[in-house]
Amino acid sequence: MSATTDTVTARAQDLGTTVVSLAQDAVASVGELGANLVDSGLKKLQDAGVVEKPKRSKKPGFLAVLIIIVGGLVAYKVISGRRGGASSSPVLPEAARLADSTGVAVG
């Protein structure tokens, strides 16, 4: 009895997996078809003069230059910060505070 139940369950799972796979493929196909329809419709409207064609923006060039400048400044600060302030023992403000309040030096 349990072997029959296992076989039926396995077949139902296989059928469910197949249905889900087919549904995903159908959704992907419909999505691509819809995107193509929108693109072709927009192109026809642009060609007819109903909708304005997008103009090229000069901001990407400016943005790239800005990113390069800011990145260079940050890199310079990181590199120059590593050279100047390396000490062998870190300063612990808690140790100084404890030494002042109790009279016993810590650290």
C-alpha atoms as a PDB file:
ATOM      1  CA  MET A   1       0.000   0.000   0.000  1.00  0.00           C
ATOM      2  CA  SER A   2       2.758   2.443   0.892  1.00  0.00           C
ATOM      3  CA  ALA A   3       4.613   1.655  -2.353  1.00  0.00           C
ATOM      4  CA  THR A   4       1.522   2.668  -4.307  1.00  0.00           C
ATOM      5  CA  THR A   5       1.165   5.844  -2.278  1.00  0.00           C
ATOM      6  CA  ASP A   6       4.840   6.689  -2.830  1.00  0.00           C
ATOM      7  CA  THR A   7       4.477   6.146  -6.586  1.00  0.00           C
ATOM      8  CA  VAL A   8       1.376   8.349  -6.753  1.00  0.00           C
ATOM      9  CA  THR A   9       3.105  11.039  -4.674  1.00  0.00           C
ATOM     10  CA  ALA A  10       6.211  10.943  -6.862  1.00  0.00           C
ATOM     11  CA  ARG A  11       4.115  11.228 -10.027  1.00  0.00           C
ATOM     12  CA  ALA A  12       2.137  14.111  -8.554  1.00  0.00           C
ATOM     13  CA  GLN A  13       5.369  15.912  -7.649  1.00  0.00           C
ATOM     14  CA  ASP A  14       6.758  15.325 -11.148  1.00  0.00           C
ATOM     15  CA  LEU A  15       3.541  16.611 -12.682  1.00  0.00           C
ATOM     16  CA  GLY A  16       3.618  19.667 -10.411  1.00  0.00           C
ATOM     17  CA  THR A  17       7.240  20.390 -11.338  1.00  0.00           C
ATOM     18  CA  THR A  18       6.405  20.097 -15.037  1.00  0.00           C
ATOM     19  CA  VAL A  19       3.415  22.428 -14.704  1.00  0.00           C
ATOM     20  CA  VAL A  20       5.476  25.014 -12.821  1.00  0.00           C
ATOM     21  CA  SER A  21       8.224  24.829 -15.451  1.00  0.00           C
ATOM     22  CA  LEU A  22       5.712  25.283 -18.279  1.00  0.00           C
ATOM     23  CA  ALA A  23       4.083  28.212 -16.475  1.00  0.00           C
ATOM     24  CA  GLN A  24       7.466  29.909 -15.983  1.00  0.00           C
ATOM     25  CA  ASP A  25       8.299  29.451 -19.663  1.00  0.00           C
ATOM     26  CA  ALA A  26       4.903  30.872 -20.662  1.00  0.00           C
ATOM     27  CA  VAL A  27       5.347  33.910 -18.412  1.00  0.00           C
ATOM     28  CA  ALA A  28       8.832  34.537 -19.822  1.00  0.00           C
ATOM     29  CA  SER A  29       7.518  34.296 -23.390  1.00  0.00           C
ATOM     30  CA  VAL A  30       4.613  36.628 -22.695  1.00  0.00           C
ATOM     31  CA  GLY A  31       6.964  39.076 -20.975  1.00  0.00           C
ATOM     32  CA  GLU A  32       9.317  39.120 -23.965  1.00  0.00           C
ATOM     33  CA  LEU A  33       6.392  39.525 -26.355  1.00  0.00           C
ATOM     34  CA  GLY A  34       5.033  42.422 -24.293  1.00  0.00           C
ATOM     35  CA  ALA A  35       8.435  44.113 -24.143  1.00  0.00           C
ATOM     36  CA  ASN A  36       8.812  43.771 -27.914  1.00  0.00           C
ATOM     37  CA  LEU A  37       5.339  45.216 -28.485  1.00  0.00           C
ATOM     38  CA  VAL A  38       6.083  48.191 -26.242  1.00  0.00           C
ATOM     39  CA  ASP A  39       9.433  48.812 -27.943  1.00  0.00           C
ATOM     40  CA  SER A  40       7.993  48.619 -31.445  1.00  0.00           C
ATOM     41  CA  GLY A  41       5.016  50.770 -30.489  1.00  0.00           C
ATOM     42  CA  LEU A  42       7.277  53.406 -28.955  1.00  0.00           C
ATOM     43  CA  LYS A  43       9.497  53.394 -32.044  1.00  0.00           C
ATOM     44  CA  LYS A  44       6.456  53.878 -34.303  1.00  0.00           C
ATOM     45  CA  LEU A  45       5.233  56.775 -32.155  1.00  0.00           C
ATOM     46  CA  GLN A  46       8.688  58.364 -32.241  1.00  0.00           C
ATOM     47  CA  ASP A  47       8.901  57.954 -36.018  1.00  0.00           C
ATOM     48  CA  ALA A  48       5.450  59.532 -36.390  1.00  0.00           C
ATOM     49  CA  GLY A  49       6.536  62.481 -34.256  1.00  0.00           C
ATOM     50  CA  VAL A  50       3.988  61.854 -31.523  1.00  0.00           C
ATOM     51  CA  VAL A  51       6.613  61.085 -28.910  1.00  0.00           C
ATOM     52  CA  GLU A  52       9.960  62.856 -28.723  1.00  0.00           C
ATOM     53  CA  LYS A  53      13.067  60.761 -29.276  1.00  0.00           C
ATOM     54  CA  PRO A  54      15.369  60.714 -26.253  1.00  0.00           C
ATOM     55  CA  LYS A  55      18.231  63.173 -26.434  1.00  0.00           C
ATOM     56  CA  ARG A  56      21.759  62.189 -25.537  1.00  0.00           C
ATOM     57  CA  SER A  57      22.826  63.567 -22.221  1.00  0.00           C
ATOM     58  CA  LYS A  58      26.312  64.918 -21.586  1.00  0.00           C
ATOM     59  CA  LYS A  59      26.044  64.144 -17.868  1.00  0.00           C
ATOM     60  CA  PRO A  60      27.610  60.644 -18.040  1.00  0.00           C
ATOM     61  CA  GLY A  61      30.951  62.171 -19.100  1.00  0.00           C
ATOM     62  CA  PHE A  62      30.792  64.713 -16.298  1.00  0.00           C
ATOM     63  CA  LEU A  63      29.793  62.010 -13.845  1.00  0.00           C
ATOM     64  CA  ALA A  64      32.729  59.813 -14.878  1.00  0.00           C
ATOM     65  CA  VAL A  65      35.181  62.684 -14.383  1.00  0.00           C
ATOM     66  CA  LEU A  66      33.662  63.475 -10.992  1.00  0.00           C
ATOM     67  CA  ILE A  67      33.939  59.835  -9.890  1.00  0.00           C
ATOM     68  CA  ILE A  68      37.584  59.695 -10.984  1.00  0.00           C
ATOM     69  CA  ILE A  69      38.437  62.902  -9.099  1.00  0.00           C
ATOM     70  CA  VAL A  70      36.659  61.846  -5.900  1.00  0.00           C
ATOM     71  CA  GLY A  71      38.167  58.358  -6.096  1.00  0.00           C
ATOM     72  CA  GLY A  72      41.641  59.837  -6.529  1.00  0.00           C
ATOM     73  CA  LEU A  73      41.179  62.137  -3.537  1.00  0.00           C
ATOM     74  CA  VAL A  74      39.979  59.280  -1.344  1.00  0.00           C
ATOM     75  CA  ALA A  75      42.881  57.077  -2.448  1.00  0.00           C
ATOM     76  CA  TYR A  76      45.344  59.895  -1.720  1.00  0.00           C
ATOM     77  CA  LYS A  77      43.896  60.400   1.768  1.00  0.00           C
ATOM     78  CA  VAL A  78      44.052  56.666   2.512  1.00  0.00           C
ATOM     79  CA  ILE A  79      47.629  56.321   1.273  1.00  0.00           C
ATOM     80  CA  SER A  80      48.882  59.461   3.002  1.00  0.00           C
ATOM     81  CA  GLY A  81      47.077  58.517   6.231  1.00  0.00           C
ATOM     82  CA  ARG A  82      48.867  55.169   6.425  1.00  0.00           C
ATOM     83  CA  ARG A  83      52.339  56.672   6.100  1.00  0.00           C
ATOM     84  CA  GLY A  84      52.046  59.318   8.781  1.00  0.00           C
ATOM     85  CA  GLY A  85      50.407  58.012  11.908  1.00  0.00           C
ATOM     86  CA  ALA A  86      51.441  54.448  12.690  1.00  0.00           C
ATOM     87  CA  SER A  87      52.325  54.015  16.365  1.00  0.00           C
ATOM     88  CA  SER A  88      53.340  50.821  18.127  1.00  0.00           C
ATOM     89  CA  SER A  89      51.053  51.290  21.154  1.00  0.00           C
ATOM     90  CA  PRO A  90      47.500  52.587  20.767  1.00  0.00           C
ATOM     91  CA  VAL A  91      46.267  55.450  22.921  1.00  0.00           C
ATOM     92  CA  LEU A  92      43.542  54.290  25.295  1.00  0.00           C
ATOM     93  CA  PRO A  93      41.480  57.165  26.695  1.00  0.00           C
ATOM     94  CA  GLU A  94      39.818  54.792  29.174  1.00  0.00           C
ATOM     95  CA  ALA A  95      43.199  53.998  30.764  1.00  0.00           C
ATOM     96  CA  ALA A  96      43.992  57.691  31.248  1.00  0.00           C
ATOM     97  CA  ARG A  97      40.549  58.314  32.777  1.00  0.00           C
ATOM     98  CA  LEU A  98      40.923  55.404  35.205  1.00  0.00           C
ATOM     99  CA  ALA A  99      44.413  56.491  36.233  1.00  0.00           C
ATOM    100  CA  ASP A 100      43.118  60.000  37.021  1.00  0.00           C
ATOM    101  CA  SER A 101      40.171  58.903  39.141  1.00  0.00           C
ATOM    102  CA  THR A 102      41.789  56.186  41.234  1.00  0.00           C
ATOM    103  CA  GLY A 103      45.407  57.249  41.315  1.00  0.00           C
ATOM    104  CA  VAL A 104      46.526  53.859  39.975  1.00  0.00           C
ATOM    105  CA  ALA A 105      48.071  53.729  36.517  1.00  0.00           C
ATOM    106  CA  VAL A 106      46.475  51.214  34.165  1.00  0.00           C
ATOM    107  CA  GLY A 107      48.262  49.842  31.145  1.00  0.00           C
END
